[in-house]
């Protein structure tokens, strides 16, 4: 992030992710027990990291969604 070192950027992302989790739970009327919150935040962070990887890949005008997703194991590559 501009003007932030890695630690500050990580703390900022963690605060933003926590705010997002809290807002979404409130919007859905989903009670989030205090003892569950750290785990929810952990997995939300994992999902955010995966989404960032997807968003790094530029789409071309001719790209279309697959009609069927078939997972491929690393050995099949």
PDB file of N, CA and C in Angstrom:
ATOM      1  N   UNK A   1       0.847  -1.173   0.000  1.00  0.00           N
ATOM      2  CA  UNK A   1       0.000   0.000   0.000  1.00  0.00           C
ATOM      3  C   UNK A   1       0.890   1.232   0.000  1.00  0.00           C
ATOM      4  N   UNK A   2       0.442   2.249  -0.656  1.00  0.00           N
ATOM      5  CA  UNK A   2       1.230   3.470  -0.717  1.00  0.00           C
ATOM      6  C   UNK A   2       1.401   4.065   0.672  1.00  0.00           C
ATOM      7  N   UNK A   3       2.654   4.351   1.031  1.00  0.00           N
ATOM      8  CA  UNK A   3       2.940   5.004   2.290  1.00  0.00           C
ATOM      9  C   UNK A   3       2.909   4.102   3.506  1.00  0.00           C
ATOM     10  N   UNK A   4       2.637   2.833   3.329  1.00  0.00           N
ATOM     11  CA  UNK A   4       2.585   1.905   4.455  1.00  0.00           C
ATOM     12  C   UNK A   4       3.648   0.836   4.279  1.00  0.00           C
ATOM     13  N   UNK A   5       4.344   0.510   5.380  1.00  0.00           N
ATOM     14  CA  UNK A   5       5.267  -0.612   5.272  1.00  0.00           C
ATOM     15  C   UNK A   5       4.450  -1.902   5.353  1.00  0.00           C
ATOM     16  N   UNK A   6       5.102  -3.049   5.191  1.00  0.00           N
ATOM     17  CA  UNK A   6       4.397  -4.328   5.138  1.00  0.00           C
ATOM     18  C   UNK A   6       3.563  -4.586   6.382  1.00  0.00           C
ATOM     19  N   UNK A   7       4.119  -4.284   7.570  1.00  0.00           N
ATOM     20  CA  UNK A   7       3.377  -4.515   8.812  1.00  0.00           C
ATOM     21  C   UNK A   7       2.145  -3.625   8.892  1.00  0.00           C
ATOM     22  N   UNK A   8       2.305  -2.342   8.544  1.00  0.00           N
ATOM     23  CA  UNK A   8       1.161  -1.431   8.569  1.00  0.00           C
ATOM     24  C   UNK A   8       0.109  -1.864   7.552  1.00  0.00           C
ATOM     25  N   UNK A   9       0.550  -2.286   6.383  1.00  0.00           N
ATOM     26  CA  UNK A   9      -0.382  -2.751   5.356  1.00  0.00           C
ATOM     27  C   UNK A   9      -1.140  -3.987   5.803  1.00  0.00           C
ATOM     28  N   UNK A  10      -0.437  -4.916   6.448  1.00  0.00           N
ATOM     29  CA  UNK A  10      -1.085  -6.136   6.940  1.00  0.00           C
ATOM     30  C   UNK A  10      -2.093  -5.805   8.032  1.00  0.00           C
ATOM     31  N   UNK A  11      -1.724  -4.897   8.926  1.00  0.00           N
ATOM     32  CA  UNK A  11      -2.659  -4.498   9.991  1.00  0.00           C
ATOM     33  C   UNK A  11      -3.887  -3.802   9.400  1.00  0.00           C
ATOM     34  N   UNK A  12      -3.655  -2.965   8.397  1.00  0.00           N
ATOM     35  CA  UNK A  12      -4.770  -2.271   7.744  1.00  0.00           C
ATOM     36  C   UNK A  12      -5.710  -3.284   7.082  1.00  0.00           C
ATOM     37  N   UNK A  13      -5.140  -4.257   6.349  1.00  0.00           N
ATOM     38  CA  UNK A  13      -5.968  -5.288   5.716  1.00  0.00           C
ATOM     39  C   UNK A  13      -6.749  -6.078   6.756  1.00  0.00           C
ATOM     40  N   UNK A  14      -6.098  -6.418   7.868  1.00  0.00           N
ATOM     41  CA  UNK A  14      -6.772  -7.174   8.928  1.00  0.00           C
ATOM     42  C   UNK A  14      -7.944  -6.373   9.499  1.00  0.00           C
ATOM     43  N   UNK A  15      -7.745  -5.064   9.706  1.00  0.00           N
ATOM     44  CA  UNK A  15      -8.838  -4.223  10.218  1.00  0.00           C
ATOM     45  C   UNK A  15      -9.980  -4.140   9.208  1.00  0.00           C
ATOM     46  N   UNK A  16      -9.641  -3.994   7.937  1.00  0.00           N
ATOM     47  CA  UNK A  16     -10.671  -3.907   6.898  1.00  0.00           C
ATOM     48  C   UNK A  16     -11.433  -5.223   6.780  1.00  0.00           C
ATOM     49  N   UNK A  17     -10.712  -6.346   6.856  1.00  0.00           N
ATOM     50  CA  UNK A  17     -11.369  -7.647   6.786  1.00  0.00           C
ATOM     51  C   UNK A  17     -12.279  -7.858   7.988  1.00  0.00           C
ATOM     52  N   UNK A  18     -11.832  -7.454   9.177  1.00  0.00           N
ATOM     53  CA  UNK A  18     -12.655  -7.585  10.380  1.00  0.00           C
ATOM     54  C   UNK A  18     -13.917  -6.734  10.249  1.00  0.00           C
ATOM     55  N   UNK A  19     -13.773  -5.526   9.724  1.00  0.00           N
ATOM     56  CA  UNK A  19     -14.938  -4.660   9.526  1.00  0.00           C
ATOM     57  C   UNK A  19     -15.910  -5.280   8.530  1.00  0.00           C
ATOM     58  N   UNK A  20     -15.381  -5.907   7.488  1.00  0.00           N
ATOM     59  CA  UNK A  20     -16.222  -6.553   6.481  1.00  0.00           C
ATOM     60  C   UNK A  20     -16.980  -7.733   7.091  1.00  0.00           C
ATOM     61  N   UNK A  21     -16.280  -8.566   7.866  1.00  0.00           N
ATOM     62  CA  UNK A  21     -16.922  -9.708   8.522  1.00  0.00           C
ATOM     63  C   UNK A  21     -18.023  -9.212   9.454  1.00  0.00           C
ATOM     64  N   UNK A  22     -17.733  -8.204  10.250  1.00  0.00           N
ATOM     65  CA  UNK A  22     -18.724  -7.672  11.186  1.00  0.00           C
ATOM     66  C   UNK A  22     -19.943  -7.115  10.447  1.00  0.00           C
ATOM     67  N   UNK A  23     -19.697  -6.376   9.368  1.00  0.00           N
ATOM     68  CA  UNK A  23     -20.796  -5.784   8.600  1.00  0.00           C
ATOM     69  C   UNK A  23     -21.647  -6.864   7.938  1.00  0.00           C
ATOM     70  N   UNK A  24     -21.005  -7.870   7.357  1.00  0.00           N
ATOM     71  CA  UNK A  24     -21.753  -8.936   6.688  1.00  0.00           C
ATOM     72  C   UNK A  24     -22.557  -9.757   7.686  1.00  0.00           C
ATOM     73  N   UNK A  25     -21.973 -10.051   8.842  1.00  0.00           N
ATOM     74  CA  UNK A  25     -22.703 -10.794   9.872  1.00  0.00           C
ATOM     75  C   UNK A  25     -23.931 -10.001  10.314  1.00  0.00           C
ATOM     76  N   UNK A  26     -23.769  -8.698  10.505  1.00  0.00           N
ATOM     77  CA  UNK A  26     -24.898  -7.855  10.905  1.00  0.00           C
ATOM     78  C   UNK A  26     -25.961  -7.810   9.810  1.00  0.00           C
ATOM     79  N   UNK A  27     -25.531  -7.663   8.566  1.00  0.00           N
ATOM     80  CA  UNK A  27     -26.460  -7.600   7.444  1.00  0.00           C
ATOM     81  C   UNK A  27     -27.278  -8.881   7.327  1.00  0.00           C
ATOM     82  N   UNK A  28     -26.625 -10.015   7.560  1.00  0.00           N
ATOM     83  CA  UNK A  28     -27.299 -11.309   7.453  1.00  0.00           C
ATOM     84  C   UNK A  28     -28.045 -11.702   8.722  1.00  0.00           C
ATOM     85  N   UNK A  29     -27.865 -10.928   9.790  1.00  0.00           N
ATOM     86  CA  UNK A  29     -28.460 -11.299  11.068  1.00  0.00           C
ATOM     87  C   UNK A  29     -27.823 -12.554  11.631  1.00  0.00           C
ATOM     88  N   UNK A  30     -26.552 -12.738  11.324  1.00  0.00           N
ATOM     89  CA  UNK A  30     -25.823 -13.940  11.719  1.00  0.00           C
ATOM     90  C   UNK A  30     -25.064 -13.679  13.013  1.00  0.00           C
ATOM     91  N   UNK A  31     -25.467 -14.327  14.093  1.00  0.00           N
ATOM     92  CA  UNK A  31     -24.714 -14.121  15.334  1.00  0.00           C
ATOM     93  C   UNK A  31     -23.321 -14.735  15.211  1.00  0.00           C
ATOM     94  N   UNK A  32     -22.335 -14.005  15.652  1.00  0.00           N
ATOM     95  CA  UNK A  32     -20.951 -14.471  15.595  1.00  0.00           C
ATOM     96  C   UNK A  32     -20.410 -14.481  17.019  1.00  0.00           C
ATOM     97  N   UNK A  33     -20.312 -15.678  17.581  1.00  0.00           N
ATOM     98  CA  UNK A  33     -19.852 -15.815  18.964  1.00  0.00           C
ATOM     99  C   UNK A  33     -18.411 -15.331  19.077  1.00  0.00           C
ATOM    100  N   UNK A  34     -18.082 -14.657  20.164  1.00  0.00           N
ATOM    101  CA  UNK A  34     -16.716 -14.139  20.330  1.00  0.00           C
ATOM    102  C   UNK A  34     -15.638 -15.216  20.179  1.00  0.00           C
ATOM    103  N   UNK A  35     -15.922 -16.421  20.635  1.00  0.00           N
ATOM    104  CA  UNK A  35     -14.916 -17.486  20.532  1.00  0.00           C
ATOM    105  C   UNK A  35     -14.762 -18.004  19.100  1.00  0.00           C
ATOM    106  N   UNK A  36     -15.736 -17.728  18.231  1.00  0.00           N
ATOM    107  CA  UNK A  36     -15.647 -18.156  16.831  1.00  0.00           C
ATOM    108  C   UNK A  36     -15.014 -17.100  15.934  1.00  0.00           C
ATOM    109  N   UNK A  37     -15.032 -15.850  16.383  1.00  0.00           N
ATOM    110  CA  UNK A  37     -14.572 -14.735  15.548  1.00  0.00           C
ATOM    111  C   UNK A  37     -13.140 -14.907  15.036  1.00  0.00           C
ATOM    112  N   UNK A  38     -12.163 -15.313  15.866  1.00  0.00           N
ATOM    113  CA  UNK A  38     -10.800 -15.477  15.333  1.00  0.00           C
ATOM    114  C   UNK A  38     -10.723 -16.477  14.177  1.00  0.00           C
ATOM    115  N   UNK A  39     -11.448 -17.572  14.272  1.00  0.00           N
ATOM    116  CA  UNK A  39     -11.447 -18.554  13.189  1.00  0.00           C
ATOM    117  C   UNK A  39     -12.111 -18.025  11.936  1.00  0.00           C
ATOM    118  N   UNK A  40     -13.224 -17.315  12.110  1.00  0.00           N
ATOM    119  CA  UNK A  40     -13.916 -16.724  10.964  1.00  0.00           C
ATOM    120  C   UNK A  40     -13.002 -15.719  10.270  1.00  0.00           C
ATOM    121  N   UNK A  41     -12.330 -14.888  11.056  1.00  0.00           N
ATOM    122  CA  UNK A  41     -11.410 -13.905  10.470  1.00  0.00           C
ATOM    123  C   UNK A  41     -10.247 -14.585   9.758  1.00  0.00           C
ATOM    124  N   UNK A  42      -9.752 -15.673  10.330  1.00  0.00           N
ATOM    125  CA  UNK A  42      -8.643 -16.414   9.704  1.00  0.00           C
ATOM    126  C   UNK A  42      -9.061 -16.922   8.323  1.00  0.00           C
ATOM    127  N   UNK A  43     -10.216 -17.584   8.249  1.00  0.00           N
ATOM    128  CA  UNK A  43     -10.649 -18.146   6.971  1.00  0.00           C
ATOM    129  C   UNK A  43     -11.113 -17.068   5.999  1.00  0.00           C
ATOM    130  N   UNK A  44     -11.622 -15.954   6.504  1.00  0.00           N
ATOM    131  CA  UNK A  44     -11.945 -14.831   5.630  1.00  0.00           C
ATOM    132  C   UNK A  44     -10.664 -14.302   4.988  1.00  0.00           C
ATOM    133  N   UNK A  45      -9.594 -14.231   5.770  1.00  0.00           N
ATOM    134  CA  UNK A  45      -8.300 -13.797   5.236  1.00  0.00           C
ATOM    135  C   UNK A  45      -7.785 -14.732   4.159  1.00  0.00           C
ATOM    136  N   UNK A  46      -7.970 -16.044   4.365  1.00  0.00           N
ATOM    137  CA  UNK A  46      -7.566 -17.018   3.344  1.00  0.00           C
ATOM    138  C   UNK A  46      -8.368 -16.792   2.064  1.00  0.00           C
ATOM    139  N   UNK A  47      -9.681 -16.611   2.201  1.00  0.00           N
ATOM    140  CA  UNK A  47     -10.527 -16.372   1.028  1.00  0.00           C
ATOM    141  C   UNK A  47     -10.129 -15.078   0.320  1.00  0.00           C
ATOM    142  N   UNK A  48      -9.796 -14.045   1.087  1.00  0.00           N
ATOM    143  CA  UNK A  48      -9.373 -12.773   0.491  1.00  0.00           C
ATOM    144  C   UNK A  48      -8.067 -12.942  -0.281  1.00  0.00           C
ATOM    145  N   UNK A  49      -7.145 -13.738   0.255  1.00  0.00           N
ATOM    146  CA  UNK A  49      -5.873 -13.980  -0.438  1.00  0.00           C
ATOM    147  C   UNK A  49      -6.108 -14.744  -1.739  1.00  0.00           C
ATOM    148  N   UNK A  50      -7.014 -15.719  -1.718  1.00  0.00           N
ATOM    149  CA  UNK A  50      -7.328 -16.462  -2.944  1.00  0.00           C
ATOM    150  C   UNK A  50      -7.980 -15.540  -3.971  1.00  0.00           C
ATOM    151  N   UNK A  51      -8.878 -14.674  -3.517  1.00  0.00           N
ATOM    152  CA  UNK A  51      -9.537 -13.736  -4.429  1.00  0.00           C
ATOM    153  C   UNK A  51      -8.525 -12.785  -5.056  1.00  0.00           C
ATOM    154  N   UNK A  52      -7.541 -12.362  -4.272  1.00  0.00           N
ATOM    155  CA  UNK A  52      -6.511 -11.461  -4.805  1.00  0.00           C
ATOM    156  C   UNK A  52      -5.730 -12.131  -5.932  1.00  0.00           C
ATOM    157  N   UNK A  53      -5.454 -13.428  -5.787  1.00  0.00           N
ATOM    158  CA  UNK A  53      -4.756 -14.158  -6.854  1.00  0.00           C
ATOM    159  C   UNK A  53      -5.593 -14.199  -8.129  1.00  0.00           C
ATOM    160  N   UNK A  54      -6.883 -14.433  -7.988  1.00  0.00           N
ATOM    161  CA  UNK A  54      -7.771 -14.471  -9.150  1.00  0.00           C
ATOM    162  C   UNK A  54      -7.828 -13.093  -9.811  1.00  0.00           C
ATOM    163  N   UNK A  55      -7.927 -12.047  -9.001  1.00  0.00           N
ATOM    164  CA  UNK A  55      -8.054 -10.696  -9.541  1.00  0.00           C
ATOM    165  C   UNK A  55      -6.779 -10.217 -10.236  1.00  0.00           C
ATOM    166  N   UNK A  56      -5.639 -10.845  -9.943  1.00  0.00           N
ATOM    167  CA  UNK A  56      -4.380 -10.471 -10.602  1.00  0.00           C
ATOM    168  C   UNK A  56      -4.341 -10.922 -12.057  1.00  0.00           C
ATOM    169  N   UNK A  57      -5.180 -11.875 -12.424  1.00  0.00           N
ATOM    170  CA  UNK A  57      -5.174 -12.423 -13.781  1.00  0.00           C
ATOM    171  C   UNK A  57      -6.088 -11.577 -14.668  1.00  0.00           C
ATOM    172  N   UNK A  58      -5.520 -10.890 -15.652  1.00  0.00           N
ATOM    173  CA  UNK A  58      -6.365 -10.048 -16.504  1.00  0.00           C
ATOM    174  C   UNK A  58      -7.239 -10.895 -17.437  1.00  0.00           C
ATOM    175  N   UNK A  59      -8.453 -10.442 -17.631  1.00  0.00           N
ATOM    176  CA  UNK A  59      -9.347 -11.105 -18.576  1.00  0.00           C
ATOM    177  C   UNK A  59      -9.260 -10.398 -19.918  1.00  0.00           C
ATOM    178  N   UNK A  60      -9.329 -11.174 -20.958  1.00  0.00           N
ATOM    179  CA  UNK A  60      -9.323 -10.650 -22.318  1.00  0.00           C
ATOM    180  C   UNK A  60     -10.768 -10.555 -22.807  1.00  0.00           C
ATOM    181  N   UNK A  61     -11.026  -9.725 -23.804  1.00  0.00           N
ATOM    182  CA  UNK A  61     -12.403  -9.581 -24.301  1.00  0.00           C
ATOM    183  C   UNK A  61     -13.040 -10.903 -24.737  1.00  0.00           C
ATOM    184  N   UNK A  62     -12.248 -11.838 -25.228  1.00  0.00           N
ATOM    185  CA  UNK A  62     -12.792 -13.112 -25.696  1.00  0.00           C
ATOM    186  C   UNK A  62     -12.952 -14.165 -24.615  1.00  0.00           C
ATOM    187  N   UNK A  63     -12.519 -13.882 -23.400  1.00  0.00           N
ATOM    188  CA  UNK A  63     -12.634 -14.859 -22.311  1.00  0.00           C
ATOM    189  C   UNK A  63     -14.101 -15.069 -21.941  1.00  0.00           C
ATOM    190  N   UNK A  64     -14.469 -16.335 -21.795  1.00  0.00           N
ATOM    191  CA  UNK A  64     -15.831 -16.672 -21.403  1.00  0.00           C
ATOM    192  C   UNK A  64     -15.778 -17.655 -20.246  1.00  0.00           C
ATOM    193  N   UNK A  65     -16.801 -17.652 -19.395  1.00  0.00           N
ATOM    194  CA  UNK A  65     -16.812 -18.621 -18.303  1.00  0.00           C
ATOM    195  C   UNK A  65     -16.965 -20.036 -18.848  1.00  0.00           C
ATOM    196  N   UNK A  66     -16.393 -20.971 -18.150  1.00  0.00           N
ATOM    197  CA  UNK A  66     -16.498 -22.370 -18.558  1.00  0.00           C
ATOM    198  C   UNK A  66     -17.922 -22.860 -18.336  1.00  0.00           C
ATOM    199  N   UNK A  67     -18.399 -23.698 -19.241  1.00  0.00           N
ATOM    200  CA  UNK A  67     -19.727 -24.285 -19.079  1.00  0.00           C
ATOM    201  C   UNK A  67     -19.719 -25.317 -17.957  1.00  0.00           C
ATOM    202  N   UNK A  68     -18.560 -25.937 -17.750  1.00  0.00           N
ATOM    203  CA  UNK A  68     -18.416 -26.970 -16.732  1.00  0.00           C
ATOM    204  C   UNK A  68     -17.018 -26.884 -16.158  1.00  0.00           C
ATOM    205  N   UNK A  69     -16.923 -26.849 -14.834  1.00  0.00           N
ATOM    206  CA  UNK A  69     -15.620 -26.832 -14.174  1.00  0.00           C
ATOM    207  C   UNK A  69     -15.244 -28.260 -13.826  1.00  0.00           C
ATOM    208  N   UNK A  70     -14.084 -28.692 -14.291  1.00  0.00           N
ATOM    209  CA  UNK A  70     -13.566 -30.017 -13.963  1.00  0.00           C
ATOM    210  C   UNK A  70     -12.203 -29.806 -13.324  1.00  0.00           C
ATOM    211  N   UNK A  71     -12.097 -30.068 -12.011  1.00  0.00           N
ATOM    212  CA  UNK A  71     -10.805 -29.861 -11.353  1.00  0.00           C
ATOM    213  C   UNK A  71      -9.752 -30.819 -11.901  1.00  0.00           C
ATOM    214  N   UNK A  72      -8.534 -30.344 -11.948  1.00  0.00           N
ATOM    215  CA  UNK A  72      -7.410 -31.141 -12.429  1.00  0.00           C
ATOM    216  C   UNK A  72      -6.388 -31.215 -11.310  1.00  0.00           C
ATOM    217  N   UNK A  73      -5.933 -32.424 -11.022  1.00  0.00           N
ATOM    218  CA  UNK A  73      -4.921 -32.572  -9.976  1.00  0.00           C
ATOM    219  C   UNK A  73      -3.582 -32.076 -10.502  1.00  0.00           C
ATOM    220  N   UNK A  74      -2.671 -31.679  -9.609  1.00  0.00           N
ATOM    221  CA  UNK A  74      -1.358 -31.207 -10.057  1.00  0.00           C
ATOM    222  C   UNK A  74      -0.609 -32.240 -10.897  1.00  0.00           C
ATOM    223  N   UNK A  75      -0.856 -33.513 -10.635  1.00  0.00           N
ATOM    224  CA  UNK A  75      -0.158 -34.561 -11.394  1.00  0.00           C
ATOM    225  C   UNK A  75      -0.605 -34.604 -12.851  1.00  0.00           C
ATOM    226  N   UNK A  76      -1.813 -34.142 -13.144  1.00  0.00           N
ATOM    227  CA  UNK A  76      -2.349 -34.191 -14.504  1.00  0.00           C
ATOM    228  C   UNK A  76      -1.879 -33.031 -15.370  1.00  0.00           C
ATOM    229  N   UNK A  77      -1.191 -32.077 -14.789  1.00  0.00           N
ATOM    230  CA  UNK A  77      -0.753 -30.909 -15.556  1.00  0.00           C
ATOM    231  C   UNK A  77       0.335 -31.247 -16.499  1.00  0.00           C
TER     232      UNK A  77
END
